[in-house]
Amino acid sequence: MTSGEHERWAMNTRESGAGRRDPGSDGGLRAEVERRSATLVVFLYRLPRWVLLVAVFAVLAVGMLVPGWIGAAALLVLAGFLGWFAFLNWPTLDSSGKLLRLAGVGVLVAFAVDHALGAF
């Protein structure tokens, strides 16, 4: 992202209110994660929308269809990806959005544990 693109993005974010923070947020871990995630988020943003969708469904299919630890690992990768996005968006989410993200991560982790133990 060039500096001009970054400035336009920052202005649009401020104008739309998309970059809202919790009142108690003073940086720290959140600021570090956001800083380290910026390059990957920009990369994902520039991909065609269908690429990420196909990749997520492919990892989900591997996780559900491949038995044992490999399937469980695929589901945990997907849970980590969803958890990372949830963390980045947490300050801007309402309570139902937060609940849905937590439920999604929880279900994926539960399926992964169930898959790894061979019960699924």
PDB file of N, CA and C in Angstrom:
ATOM      1  N   MET A   1       0.852  -1.160   0.000  1.00  0.00           N
ATOM      2  CA  MET A   1       0.000   0.000   0.000  1.00  0.00           C
ATOM      3  C   MET A   1       0.902   1.227   0.000  1.00  0.00           C
ATOM      4  N   THR A   2       0.717   2.105  -0.953  1.00  0.00           N
ATOM      5  CA  THR A   2       1.520   3.321  -1.008  1.00  0.00           C
ATOM      6  C   THR A   2       1.035   4.283   0.062  1.00  0.00           C
ATOM      7  N   SER A   3       1.832   5.309   0.324  1.00  0.00           N
ATOM      8  CA  SER A   3       1.455   6.254   1.371  1.00  0.00           C
ATOM      9  C   SER A   3       0.180   6.997   1.009  1.00  0.00           C
ATOM     10  N   GLY A   4      -0.029   7.294  -0.278  1.00  0.00           N
ATOM     11  CA  GLY A   4      -1.260   7.964  -0.703  1.00  0.00           C
ATOM     12  C   GLY A   4      -2.480   7.086  -0.478  1.00  0.00           C
ATOM     13  N   GLU A   5      -2.356   5.787  -0.813  1.00  0.00           N
ATOM     14  CA  GLU A   5      -3.470   4.863  -0.579  1.00  0.00           C
ATOM     15  C   GLU A   5      -3.744   4.733   0.903  1.00  0.00           C
ATOM     16  N   HIS A   6      -2.680   4.665   1.708  1.00  0.00           N
ATOM     17  CA  HIS A   6      -2.854   4.541   3.145  1.00  0.00           C
ATOM     18  C   HIS A   6      -3.560   5.766   3.718  1.00  0.00           C
ATOM     19  N   GLU A   7      -3.188   6.965   3.261  1.00  0.00           N
ATOM     20  CA  GLU A   7      -3.826   8.185   3.755  1.00  0.00           C
ATOM     21  C   GLU A   7      -5.304   8.215   3.385  1.00  0.00           C
ATOM     22  N   ARG A   8      -5.652   7.824   2.135  1.00  0.00           N
ATOM     23  CA  ARG A   8      -7.062   7.780   1.728  1.00  0.00           C
ATOM     24  C   ARG A   8      -7.829   6.766   2.552  1.00  0.00           C
ATOM     25  N   TRP A   9      -7.219   5.593   2.781  1.00  0.00           N
ATOM     26  CA  TRP A   9      -7.873   4.578   3.582  1.00  0.00           C
ATOM     27  C   TRP A   9      -8.109   5.086   5.009  1.00  0.00           C
ATOM     28  N   ALA A  10      -7.091   5.748   5.577  1.00  0.00           N
ATOM     29  CA  ALA A  10      -7.222   6.263   6.941  1.00  0.00           C
ATOM     30  C   ALA A  10      -8.314   7.326   7.022  1.00  0.00           C
ATOM     31  N   MET A  11      -8.393   8.206   6.019  1.00  0.00           N
ATOM     32  CA  MET A  11      -9.435   9.223   6.021  1.00  0.00           C
ATOM     33  C   MET A  11     -10.813   8.594   5.897  1.00  0.00           C
ATOM     34  N   ASN A  12     -10.967   7.616   5.009  1.00  0.00           N
ATOM     35  CA  ASN A  12     -12.253   6.941   4.859  1.00  0.00           C
ATOM     36  C   ASN A  12     -12.642   6.211   6.133  1.00  0.00           C
ATOM     37  N   THR A  13     -11.679   5.623   6.787  1.00  0.00           N
ATOM     38  CA  THR A  13     -11.950   4.912   8.033  1.00  0.00           C
ATOM     39  C   THR A  13     -12.418   5.873   9.110  1.00  0.00           C
ATOM     40  N   ARG A  14     -11.758   7.010   9.222  1.00  0.00           N
ATOM     41  CA  ARG A  14     -12.156   8.004  10.228  1.00  0.00           C
ATOM     42  C   ARG A  14     -13.542   8.547   9.924  1.00  0.00           C
ATOM     43  N   GLU A  15     -13.823   8.839   8.647  1.00  0.00           N
ATOM     44  CA  GLU A  15     -15.113   9.405   8.275  1.00  0.00           C
ATOM     45  C   GLU A  15     -16.255   8.419   8.487  1.00  0.00           C
ATOM     46  N   SER A  16     -16.014   7.143   8.217  1.00  0.00           N
ATOM     47  CA  SER A  16     -17.080   6.150   8.348  1.00  0.00           C
ATOM     48  C   SER A  16     -17.232   5.652   9.776  1.00  0.00           C
ATOM     49  N   GLY A  17     -16.273   5.934  10.643  1.00  0.00           N
ATOM     50  CA  GLY A  17     -16.326   5.446  12.015  1.00  0.00           C
ATOM     51  C   GLY A  17     -15.892   4.001  12.139  1.00  0.00           C
ATOM     52  N   ALA A  18     -15.331   3.421  11.068  1.00  0.00           N
ATOM     53  CA  ALA A  18     -14.963   2.008  11.078  1.00  0.00           C
ATOM     54  C   ALA A  18     -13.791   1.723  12.000  1.00  0.00           C
ATOM     55  N   GLY A  19     -13.011   2.708  12.338  1.00  0.00           N
ATOM     56  CA  GLY A  19     -11.844   2.475  13.173  1.00  0.00           C
ATOM     57  C   GLY A  19     -12.085   2.776  14.642  1.00  0.00           C
ATOM     58  N   ARG A  20     -13.350   2.708  15.090  1.00  0.00           N
ATOM     59  CA  ARG A  20     -13.669   3.011  16.485  1.00  0.00           C
ATOM     60  C   ARG A  20     -12.897   2.104  17.431  1.00  0.00           C
ATOM     61  N   ARG A  21     -12.556   2.638  18.569  1.00  0.00           N
ATOM     62  CA  ARG A  21     -11.819   1.892  19.578  1.00  0.00           C
ATOM     63  C   ARG A  21     -12.626   1.876  20.871  1.00  0.00           C
ATOM     64  N   ASP A  22     -12.343   0.869  21.702  1.00  0.00           N
ATOM     65  CA  ASP A  22     -12.911   0.857  23.038  1.00  0.00           C
ATOM     66  C   ASP A  22     -12.330   2.032  23.814  1.00  0.00           C
ATOM     67  N   PRO A  23     -13.119   2.647  24.689  1.00  0.00           N
ATOM     68  CA  PRO A  23     -12.594   3.794  25.437  1.00  0.00           C
ATOM     69  C   PRO A  23     -11.337   3.469  26.236  1.00  0.00           C
ATOM     70  N   GLY A  24     -11.222   2.225  26.726  1.00  0.00           N
ATOM     71  CA  GLY A  24     -10.059   1.867  27.524  1.00  0.00           C
ATOM     72  C   GLY A  24      -8.872   1.394  26.706  1.00  0.00           C
ATOM     73  N   SER A  25      -8.995   1.405  25.390  1.00  0.00           N
ATOM     74  CA  SER A  25      -7.921   0.887  24.547  1.00  0.00           C
ATOM     75  C   SER A  25      -6.803   1.914  24.421  1.00  0.00           C
ATOM     76  N   ASP A  26      -5.647   1.580  24.983  1.00  0.00           N
ATOM     77  CA  ASP A  26      -4.527   2.517  24.934  1.00  0.00           C
ATOM     78  C   ASP A  26      -3.384   1.982  24.079  1.00  0.00           C
ATOM     79  N   GLY A  27      -3.658   1.016  23.242  1.00  0.00           N
ATOM     80  CA  GLY A  27      -2.587   0.476  22.418  1.00  0.00           C
ATOM     81  C   GLY A  27      -2.177  -0.882  22.934  1.00  0.00           C
ATOM     82  N   GLY A  28      -0.913  -1.057  23.146  1.00  0.00           N
ATOM     83  CA  GLY A  28      -0.409  -2.312  23.673  1.00  0.00           C
ATOM     84  C   GLY A  28      -0.554  -3.459  22.691  1.00  0.00           C
ATOM     85  N   LEU A  29      -1.144  -4.553  23.162  1.00  0.00           N
ATOM     86  CA  LEU A  29      -1.279  -5.761  22.352  1.00  0.00           C
ATOM     87  C   LEU A  29      -2.086  -5.503  21.085  1.00  0.00           C
ATOM     88  N   ARG A  30      -3.224  -4.810  21.215  1.00  0.00           N
ATOM     89  CA  ARG A  30      -4.064  -4.547  20.057  1.00  0.00           C
ATOM     90  C   ARG A  30      -3.311  -3.771  18.993  1.00  0.00           C
ATOM     91  N   ALA A  31      -2.605  -2.729  19.395  1.00  0.00           N
ATOM     92  CA  ALA A  31      -1.848  -1.919  18.442  1.00  0.00           C
ATOM     93  C   ALA A  31      -0.777  -2.749  17.748  1.00  0.00           C
ATOM     94  N   GLU A  32      -0.116  -3.618  18.495  1.00  0.00           N
ATOM     95  CA  GLU A  32       0.937  -4.455  17.911  1.00  0.00           C
ATOM     96  C   GLU A  32       0.351  -5.460  16.925  1.00  0.00           C
ATOM     97  N   VAL A  33      -0.759  -6.097  17.287  1.00  0.00           N
ATOM     98  CA  VAL A  33      -1.400  -7.062  16.382  1.00  0.00           C
ATOM     99  C   VAL A  33      -1.893  -6.358  15.126  1.00  0.00           C
ATOM    100  N   GLU A  34      -2.507  -5.188  15.279  1.00  0.00           N
ATOM    101  CA  GLU A  34      -2.973  -4.438  14.112  1.00  0.00           C
ATOM    102  C   GLU A  34      -1.811  -4.041  13.211  1.00  0.00           C
ATOM    103  N   ARG A  35      -0.714  -3.612  13.817  1.00  0.00           N
ATOM    104  CA  ARG A  35       0.445  -3.195  13.024  1.00  0.00           C
ATOM    105  C   ARG A  35       1.020  -4.377  12.246  1.00  0.00           C
ATOM    106  N   ARG A  36       1.159  -5.519  12.922  1.00  0.00           N
ATOM    107  CA  ARG A  36       1.718  -6.702  12.250  1.00  0.00           C
ATOM    108  C   ARG A  36       0.751  -7.308  11.238  1.00  0.00           C
ATOM    109  N   SER A  37      -0.540  -7.091  11.422  1.00  0.00           N
ATOM    110  CA  SER A  37      -1.551  -7.660  10.536  1.00  0.00           C
ATOM    111  C   SER A  37      -1.811  -6.807   9.303  1.00  0.00           C
ATOM    112  N   ALA A  38      -1.371  -5.574   9.321  1.00  0.00           N
ATOM    113  CA  ALA A  38      -1.724  -4.641   8.249  1.00  0.00           C
ATOM    114  C   ALA A  38      -1.331  -5.151   6.870  1.00  0.00           C
ATOM    115  N   THR A  39      -0.139  -5.682   6.730  1.00  0.00           N
ATOM    116  CA  THR A  39       0.324  -6.151   5.425  1.00  0.00           C
ATOM    117  C   THR A  39      -0.529  -7.305   4.922  1.00  0.00           C
ATOM    118  N   LEU A  40      -0.831  -8.247   5.792  1.00  0.00           N
ATOM    119  CA  LEU A  40      -1.654  -9.392   5.385  1.00  0.00           C
ATOM    120  C   LEU A  40      -3.082  -8.967   5.073  1.00  0.00           C
ATOM    121  N   VAL A  41      -3.631  -8.036   5.845  1.00  0.00           N
ATOM    122  CA  VAL A  41      -4.987  -7.562   5.588  1.00  0.00           C
ATOM    123  C   VAL A  41      -5.052  -6.866   4.232  1.00  0.00           C
ATOM    124  N   VAL A  42      -4.065  -6.054   3.919  1.00  0.00           N
ATOM    125  CA  VAL A  42      -4.035  -5.382   2.612  1.00  0.00           C
ATOM    126  C   VAL A  42      -3.899  -6.412   1.498  1.00  0.00           C
ATOM    127  N   PHE A  43      -3.066  -7.428   1.701  1.00  0.00           N
ATOM    128  CA  PHE A  43      -2.924  -8.492   0.700  1.00  0.00           C
ATOM    129  C   PHE A  43      -4.255  -9.194   0.470  1.00  0.00           C
ATOM    130  N   LEU A  44      -4.943  -9.558   1.540  1.00  0.00           N
ATOM    131  CA  LEU A  44      -6.238 -10.238   1.411  1.00  0.00           C
ATOM    132  C   LEU A  44      -7.279  -9.334   0.768  1.00  0.00           C
ATOM    133  N   TYR A  45      -7.218  -8.040   1.071  1.00  0.00           N
ATOM    134  CA  TYR A  45      -8.160  -7.085   0.488  1.00  0.00           C
ATOM    135  C   TYR A  45      -7.983  -6.974  -1.025  1.00  0.00           C
ATOM    136  N   ARG A  46      -6.751  -7.090  -1.472  1.00  0.00           N
ATOM    137  CA  ARG A  46      -6.470  -6.949  -2.909  1.00  0.00           C
ATOM    138  C   ARG A  46      -6.785  -8.205  -3.713  1.00  0.00           C
ATOM    139  N   LEU A  47      -6.965  -9.344  -3.045  1.00  0.00           N
ATOM    140  CA  LEU A  47      -7.322 -10.575  -3.752  1.00  0.00           C
ATOM    141  C   LEU A  47      -8.743 -10.477  -4.290  1.00  0.00           C
ATOM    142  N   PRO A  48      -9.027 -11.167  -5.385  1.00  0.00           N
ATOM    143  CA  PRO A  48     -10.428 -11.260  -5.803  1.00  0.00           C
ATOM    144  C   PRO A  48     -11.238 -11.926  -4.686  1.00  0.00           C
ATOM    145  N   ARG A  49     -12.463 -11.493  -4.504  1.00  0.00           N
ATOM    146  CA  ARG A  49     -13.274 -11.985  -3.379  1.00  0.00           C
ATOM    147  C   ARG A  49     -13.454 -13.495  -3.405  1.00  0.00           C
ATOM    148  N   TRP A  50     -13.527 -14.090  -4.577  1.00  0.00           N
ATOM    149  CA  TRP A  50     -13.791 -15.519  -4.670  1.00  0.00           C
ATOM    150  C   TRP A  50     -12.603 -16.352  -4.191  1.00  0.00           C
ATOM    151  N   VAL A  51     -11.397 -15.810  -4.250  1.00  0.00           N
ATOM    152  CA  VAL A  51     -10.207 -16.579  -3.864  1.00  0.00           C
ATOM    153  C   VAL A  51     -10.255 -16.936  -2.376  1.00  0.00           C
ATOM    154  N   LEU A  52     -10.541 -15.963  -1.532  1.00  0.00           N
ATOM    155  CA  LEU A  52     -10.610 -16.217  -0.101  1.00  0.00           C
ATOM    156  C   LEU A  52     -11.766 -17.163   0.227  1.00  0.00           C
ATOM    157  N   LEU A  53     -12.888 -16.994  -0.445  1.00  0.00           N
ATOM    158  CA  LEU A  53     -14.037 -17.863  -0.225  1.00  0.00           C
ATOM    159  C   LEU A  53     -13.709 -19.312  -0.573  1.00  0.00           C
ATOM    160  N   VAL A  54     -13.080 -19.523  -1.720  1.00  0.00           N
ATOM    161  CA  VAL A  54     -12.696 -20.875  -2.137  1.00  0.00           C
ATOM    162  C   VAL A  54     -11.665 -21.461  -1.170  1.00  0.00           C
ATOM    163  N   ALA A  55     -10.717 -20.653  -0.734  1.00  0.00           N
ATOM    164  CA  ALA A  55      -9.691 -21.142   0.194  1.00  0.00           C
ATOM    165  C   ALA A  55     -10.304 -21.564   1.530  1.00  0.00           C
ATOM    166  N   VAL A  56     -11.226 -20.762   2.044  1.00  0.00           N
ATOM    167  CA  VAL A  56     -11.875 -21.099   3.320  1.00  0.00           C
ATOM    168  C   VAL A  56     -12.675 -22.385   3.178  1.00  0.00           C
ATOM    169  N   PHE A  57     -13.442 -22.520   2.103  1.00  0.00           N
ATOM    170  CA  PHE A  57     -14.224 -23.739   1.911  1.00  0.00           C
ATOM    171  C   PHE A  57     -13.329 -24.959   1.681  1.00  0.00           C
ATOM    172  N   ALA A  58     -12.194 -24.774   1.028  1.00  0.00           N
ATOM    173  CA  ALA A  58     -11.262 -25.886   0.816  1.00  0.00           C
ATOM    174  C   ALA A  58     -10.682 -26.362   2.155  1.00  0.00           C
ATOM    175  N   VAL A  59     -10.276 -25.428   3.005  1.00  0.00           N
ATOM    176  CA  VAL A  59      -9.729 -25.801   4.312  1.00  0.00           C
ATOM    177  C   VAL A  59     -10.826 -26.446   5.171  1.00  0.00           C
ATOM    178  N   LEU A  60     -12.047 -25.922   5.090  1.00  0.00           N
ATOM    179  CA  LEU A  60     -13.152 -26.524   5.826  1.00  0.00           C
ATOM    180  C   LEU A  60     -13.434 -27.937   5.333  1.00  0.00           C
ATOM    181  N   ALA A  61     -13.406 -28.146   4.019  1.00  0.00           N
ATOM    182  CA  ALA A  61     -13.637 -29.484   3.462  1.00  0.00           C
ATOM    183  C   ALA A  61     -12.550 -30.456   3.908  1.00  0.00           C
ATOM    184  N   VAL A  62     -11.299 -30.010   3.885  1.00  0.00           N
ATOM    185  CA  VAL A  62     -10.209 -30.875   4.362  1.00  0.00           C
ATOM    186  C   VAL A  62     -10.424 -31.207   5.829  1.00  0.00           C
ATOM    187  N   GLY A  63     -10.791 -30.214   6.606  1.00  0.00           N
ATOM    188  CA  GLY A  63     -11.006 -30.431   8.029  1.00  0.00           C
ATOM    189  C   GLY A  63     -12.134 -31.395   8.325  1.00  0.00           C
ATOM    190  N   MET A  64     -13.173 -31.368   7.521  1.00  0.00           N
ATOM    191  CA  MET A  64     -14.318 -32.237   7.792  1.00  0.00           C
ATOM    192  C   MET A  64     -14.165 -33.625   7.174  1.00  0.00           C
ATOM    193  N   LEU A  65     -13.425 -33.736   6.081  1.00  0.00           N
ATOM    194  CA  LEU A  65     -13.356 -35.004   5.365  1.00  0.00           C
ATOM    195  C   LEU A  65     -12.118 -35.843   5.664  1.00  0.00           C
ATOM    196  N   VAL A  66     -11.023 -35.212   6.027  1.00  0.00           N
ATOM    197  CA  VAL A  66      -9.786 -35.950   6.293  1.00  0.00           C
ATOM    198  C   VAL A  66      -9.777 -36.360   7.765  1.00  0.00           C
ATOM    199  N   PRO A  67      -9.606 -37.631   8.045  1.00  0.00           N
ATOM    200  CA  PRO A  67      -9.665 -38.090   9.434  1.00  0.00           C
ATOM    201  C   PRO A  67      -8.405 -37.767  10.232  1.00  0.00           C
ATOM    202  N   GLY A  68      -8.552 -37.791  11.530  1.00  0.00           N
ATOM    203  CA  GLY A  68      -7.415 -37.684  12.437  1.00  0.00           C
ATOM    204  C   GLY A  68      -6.884 -36.281  12.617  1.00  0.00           C
ATOM    205  N   TRP A  69      -5.585 -36.239  12.895  1.00  0.00           N
ATOM    206  CA  TRP A  69      -4.938 -34.984  13.244  1.00  0.00           C
ATOM    207  C   TRP A  69      -4.846 -34.004  12.083  1.00  0.00           C
ATOM    208  N   ILE A  70      -4.773 -34.486  10.873  1.00  0.00           N
ATOM    209  CA  ILE A  70      -4.680 -33.572   9.720  1.00  0.00           C
ATOM    210  C   ILE A  70      -5.970 -32.780   9.576  1.00  0.00           C
ATOM    211  N   GLY A  71      -7.097 -33.468   9.673  1.00  0.00           N
ATOM    212  CA  GLY A  71      -8.385 -32.776   9.623  1.00  0.00           C
ATOM    213  C   GLY A  71      -8.558 -31.814  10.785  1.00  0.00           C
ATOM    214  N   ALA A  72      -8.137 -32.253  11.979  1.00  0.00           N
ATOM    215  CA  ALA A  72      -8.229 -31.392  13.153  1.00  0.00           C
ATOM    216  C   ALA A  72      -7.352 -30.150  12.991  1.00  0.00           C
ATOM    217  N   ALA A  73      -6.164 -30.322  12.441  1.00  0.00           N
ATOM    218  CA  ALA A  73      -5.270 -29.179  12.222  1.00  0.00           C
ATOM    219  C   ALA A  73      -5.872 -28.183  11.240  1.00  0.00           C
ATOM    220  N   ALA A  74      -6.524 -28.690  10.184  1.00  0.00           N
ATOM    221  CA  ALA A  74      -7.169 -27.792   9.218  1.00  0.00           C
ATOM    222  C   ALA A  74      -8.278 -26.986   9.897  1.00  0.00           C
ATOM    223  N   LEU A  75      -9.063 -27.638  10.749  1.00  0.00           N
ATOM    224  CA  LEU A  75     -10.123 -26.921  11.459  1.00  0.00           C
ATOM    225  C   LEU A  75      -9.550 -25.902  12.438  1.00  0.00           C
ATOM    226  N   LEU A  76      -8.433 -26.235  13.075  1.00  0.00           N
ATOM    227  CA  LEU A  76      -7.799 -25.279  13.991  1.00  0.00           C
ATOM    228  C   LEU A  76      -7.205 -24.086  13.248  1.00  0.00           C
ATOM    229  N   VAL A  77      -6.676 -24.328  12.039  1.00  0.00           N
ATOM    230  CA  VAL A  77      -6.191 -23.211  11.215  1.00  0.00           C
ATOM    231  C   VAL A  77      -7.345 -22.277  10.886  1.00  0.00           C
ATOM    232  N   LEU A  78      -8.479 -22.850  10.525  1.00  0.00           N
ATOM    233  CA  LEU A  78      -9.659 -22.049  10.207  1.00  0.00           C
ATOM    234  C   LEU A  78     -10.151 -21.299  11.445  1.00  0.00           C
ATOM    235  N   ALA A  79     -10.139 -21.953  12.601  1.00  0.00           N
ATOM    236  CA  ALA A  79     -10.542 -21.294  13.848  1.00  0.00           C
ATOM    237  C   ALA A  79      -9.589 -20.145  14.185  1.00  0.00           C
ATOM    238  N   GLY A  80      -8.300 -20.356  13.975  1.00  0.00           N
ATOM    239  CA  GLY A  80      -7.330 -19.294  14.216  1.00  0.00           C
ATOM    240  C   GLY A  80      -7.535 -18.107  13.298  1.00  0.00           C
ATOM    241  N   PHE A  81      -7.831 -18.383  12.033  1.00  0.00           N
ATOM    242  CA  PHE A  81      -8.086 -17.325  11.058  1.00  0.00           C
ATOM    243  C   PHE A  81      -9.324 -16.524  11.460  1.00  0.00           C
ATOM    244  N   LEU A  82     -10.399 -17.215  11.830  1.00  0.00           N
ATOM    245  CA  LEU A  82     -11.621 -16.543  12.269  1.00  0.00           C
ATOM    246  C   LEU A  82     -11.375 -15.771  13.564  1.00  0.00           C
ATOM    247  N   GLY A  83     -10.612 -16.355  14.482  1.00  0.00           N
ATOM    248  CA  GLY A  83     -10.290 -15.664  15.725  1.00  0.00           C
ATOM    249  C   GLY A  83      -9.467 -14.412  15.500  1.00  0.00           C
ATOM    250  N   TRP A  84      -8.543 -14.488  14.550  1.00  0.00           N
ATOM    251  CA  TRP A  84      -7.717 -13.317  14.220  1.00  0.00           C
ATOM    252  C   TRP A  84      -8.581 -12.188  13.671  1.00  0.00           C
ATOM    253  N   PHE A  85      -9.471 -12.522  12.735  1.00  0.00           N
ATOM    254  CA  PHE A  85     -10.379 -11.498  12.201  1.00  0.00           C
ATOM    255  C   PHE A  85     -11.297 -10.960  13.290  1.00  0.00           C
ATOM    256  N   ALA A  86     -11.763 -11.817  14.176  1.00  0.00           N
ATOM    257  CA  ALA A  86     -12.620 -11.366  15.270  1.00  0.00           C
ATOM    258  C   ALA A  86     -11.866 -10.389  16.170  1.00  0.00           C
ATOM    259  N   PHE A  87     -10.611 -10.700  16.474  1.00  0.00           N
ATOM    260  CA  PHE A  87      -9.806  -9.819  17.310  1.00  0.00           C
ATOM    261  C   PHE A  87      -9.623  -8.454  16.661  1.00  0.00           C
ATOM    262  N   LEU A  88      -9.357  -8.447  15.367  1.00  0.00           N
ATOM    263  CA  LEU A  88      -9.150  -7.176  14.671  1.00  0.00           C
ATOM    264  C   LEU A  88     -10.417  -6.332  14.628  1.00  0.00           C
ATOM    265  N   ASN A  89     -11.577  -6.976  14.539  1.00  0.00           N
ATOM    266  CA  ASN A  89     -12.841  -6.252  14.410  1.00  0.00           C
ATOM    267  C   ASN A  89     -13.576  -6.068  15.729  1.00  0.00           C
ATOM    268  N   TRP A  90     -13.069  -6.621  16.806  1.00  0.00           N
ATOM    269  CA  TRP A  90     -13.778  -6.644  18.079  1.00  0.00           C
ATOM    270  C   TRP A  90     -14.294  -5.278  18.535  1.00  0.00           C
ATOM    271  N   PRO A  91     -13.492  -4.207  18.503  1.00  0.00           N
ATOM    272  CA  PRO A  91     -13.989  -2.913  18.999  1.00  0.00           C
ATOM    273  C   PRO A  91     -15.174  -2.359  18.202  1.00  0.00           C
ATOM    274  N   THR A  92     -15.318  -2.750  16.947  1.00  0.00           N
ATOM    275  CA  THR A  92     -16.388  -2.198  16.119  1.00  0.00           C
ATOM    276  C   THR A  92     -17.636  -3.064  16.110  1.00  0.00           C
ATOM    277  N   LEU A  93     -17.604  -4.228  16.751  1.00  0.00           N
ATOM    278  CA  LEU A  93     -18.733  -5.153  16.727  1.00  0.00           C
ATOM    279  C   LEU A  93     -19.725  -4.846  17.833  1.00  0.00           C
ATOM    280  N   ASP A  94     -21.019  -5.083  17.526  1.00  0.00           N
ATOM    281  CA  ASP A  94     -22.010  -5.017  18.591  1.00  0.00           C
ATOM    282  C   ASP A  94     -22.031  -6.366  19.311  1.00  0.00           C
ATOM    283  N   SER A  95     -22.850  -6.493  20.332  1.00  0.00           N
ATOM    284  CA  SER A  95     -22.819  -7.712  21.146  1.00  0.00           C
ATOM    285  C   SER A  95     -23.214  -8.957  20.363  1.00  0.00           C
ATOM    286  N   SER A  96     -24.145  -8.851  19.409  1.00  0.00           N
ATOM    287  CA  SER A  96     -24.517 -10.033  18.623  1.00  0.00           C
ATOM    288  C   SER A  96     -23.379 -10.447  17.689  1.00  0.00           C
ATOM    289  N   GLY A  97     -22.650  -9.485  17.137  1.00  0.00           N
ATOM    290  CA  GLY A  97     -21.505  -9.804  16.299  1.00  0.00           C
ATOM    291  C   GLY A  97     -20.406 -10.488  17.087  1.00  0.00           C
ATOM    292  N   LYS A  98     -20.174 -10.015  18.307  1.00  0.00           N
ATOM    293  CA  LYS A  98     -19.161 -10.643  19.164  1.00  0.00           C
ATOM    294  C   LYS A  98     -19.561 -12.071  19.513  1.00  0.00           C
ATOM    295  N   LEU A  99     -20.845 -12.255  19.833  1.00  0.00           N
ATOM    296  CA  LEU A  99     -21.341 -13.584  20.187  1.00  0.00           C
ATOM    297  C   LEU A  99     -21.214 -14.561  19.017  1.00  0.00           C
ATOM    298  N   LEU A 100     -21.544 -14.098  17.813  1.00  0.00           N
ATOM    299  CA  LEU A 100     -21.426 -14.958  16.634  1.00  0.00           C
ATOM    300  C   LEU A 100     -19.977 -15.348  16.367  1.00  0.00           C
ATOM    301  N   ARG A 101     -19.049 -14.410  16.513  1.00  0.00           N
ATOM    302  CA  ARG A 101     -17.628 -14.742  16.303  1.00  0.00           C
ATOM    303  C   ARG A 101     -17.138 -15.760  17.330  1.00  0.00           C
ATOM    304  N   LEU A 102     -17.516 -15.546  18.589  1.00  0.00           N
ATOM    305  CA  LEU A 102     -17.109 -16.491  19.632  1.00  0.00           C
ATOM    306  C   LEU A 102     -17.712 -17.870  19.392  1.00  0.00           C
ATOM    307  N   ALA A 103     -18.970 -17.904  18.981  1.00  0.00           N
ATOM    308  CA  ALA A 103     -19.622 -19.187  18.714  1.00  0.00           C
ATOM    309  C   ALA A 103     -18.955 -19.890  17.537  1.00  0.00           C
ATOM    310  N   GLY A 104     -18.618 -19.150  16.491  1.00  0.00           N
ATOM    311  CA  GLY A 104     -17.958 -19.747  15.331  1.00  0.00           C
ATOM    312  C   GLY A 104     -16.617 -20.353  15.682  1.00  0.00           C
ATOM    313  N   VAL A 105     -15.813 -19.617  16.433  1.00  0.00           N
ATOM    314  CA  VAL A 105     -14.505 -20.139  16.850  1.00  0.00           C
ATOM    315  C   VAL A 105     -14.702 -21.336  17.770  1.00  0.00           C
ATOM    316  N   GLY A 106     -15.649 -21.242  18.689  1.00  0.00           N
ATOM    317  CA  GLY A 106     -15.904 -22.341  19.615  1.00  0.00           C
ATOM    318  C   GLY A 106     -16.351 -23.614  18.918  1.00  0.00           C
ATOM    319  N   VAL A 107     -17.233 -23.482  17.931  1.00  0.00           N
ATOM    320  CA  VAL A 107     -17.704 -24.658  17.192  1.00  0.00           C
ATOM    321  C   VAL A 107     -16.565 -25.288  16.399  1.00  0.00           C
ATOM    322  N   LEU A 108     -15.745 -24.478  15.757  1.00  0.00           N
ATOM    323  CA  LEU A 108     -14.619 -25.027  15.006  1.00  0.00           C
ATOM    324  C   LEU A 108     -13.621 -25.744  15.912  1.00  0.00           C
ATOM    325  N   VAL A 109     -13.336 -25.164  17.072  1.00  0.00           N
ATOM    326  CA  VAL A 109     -12.417 -25.816  18.010  1.00  0.00           C
ATOM    327  C   VAL A 109     -13.029 -27.109  18.539  1.00  0.00           C
ATOM    328  N   ALA A 110     -14.329 -27.093  18.839  1.00  0.00           N
ATOM    329  CA  ALA A 110     -14.987 -28.314  19.329  1.00  0.00           C
ATOM    330  C   ALA A 110     -14.946 -29.404  18.270  1.00  0.00           C
ATOM    331  N   PHE A 111     -15.221 -29.068  17.018  1.00  0.00           N
ATOM    332  CA  PHE A 111     -15.134 -30.058  15.940  1.00  0.00           C
ATOM    333  C   PHE A 111     -13.700 -30.573  15.794  1.00  0.00           C
ATOM    334  N   ALA A 112     -12.713 -29.697  15.940  1.00  0.00           N
ATOM    335  CA  ALA A 112     -11.321 -30.112  15.808  1.00  0.00           C
ATOM    336  C   ALA A 112     -10.933 -31.096  16.913  1.00  0.00           C
ATOM    337  N   VAL A 113     -11.334 -30.803  18.139  1.00  0.00           N
ATOM    338  CA  VAL A 113     -11.030 -31.695  19.250  1.00  0.00           C
ATOM    339  C   VAL A 113     -11.740 -33.035  19.045  1.00  0.00           C
ATOM    340  N   ASP A 114     -13.001 -32.973  18.657  1.00  0.00           N
ATOM    341  CA  ASP A 114     -13.775 -34.184  18.398  1.00  0.00           C
ATOM    342  C   ASP A 114     -13.139 -35.005  17.270  1.00  0.00           C
ATOM    343  N   HIS A 115     -12.697 -34.321  16.243  1.00  0.00           N
ATOM    344  CA  HIS A 115     -12.053 -34.967  15.093  1.00  0.00           C
ATOM    345  C   HIS A 115     -10.722 -35.609  15.497  1.00  0.00           C
ATOM    346  N   ALA A 116      -9.955 -34.897  16.302  1.00  0.00           N
ATOM    347  CA  ALA A 116      -8.643 -35.407  16.712  1.00  0.00           C
ATOM    348  C   ALA A 116      -8.762 -36.634  17.605  1.00  0.00           C
ATOM    349  N   LEU A 117      -9.814 -36.673  18.391  1.00  0.00           N
ATOM    350  CA  LEU A 117     -10.015 -37.829  19.282  1.00  0.00           C
ATOM    351  C   LEU A 117     -10.666 -39.008  18.588  1.00  0.00           C
ATOM    352  N   GLY A 118     -11.045 -38.812  17.323  1.00  0.00           N
ATOM    353  CA  GLY A 118     -11.607 -39.884  16.542  1.00  0.00           C
ATOM    354  C   GLY A 118     -13.075 -40.153  16.773  1.00  0.00           C
ATOM    355  N   ALA A 119     -13.755 -39.279  17.479  1.00  0.00           N
ATOM    356  CA  ALA A 119     -15.171 -39.484  17.766  1.00  0.00           C
ATOM    357  C   ALA A 119     -16.053 -39.049  16.608  1.00  0.00           C
ATOM    358  N   PHE A 120     -15.527 -38.254  15.700  1.00  0.00           N
ATOM    359  CA  PHE A 120     -16.331 -37.717  14.593  1.00  0.00           C
ATOM    360  C   PHE A 120     -16.133 -38.500  13.336  1.00  0.00           C
TER     361      PHE A 120
END
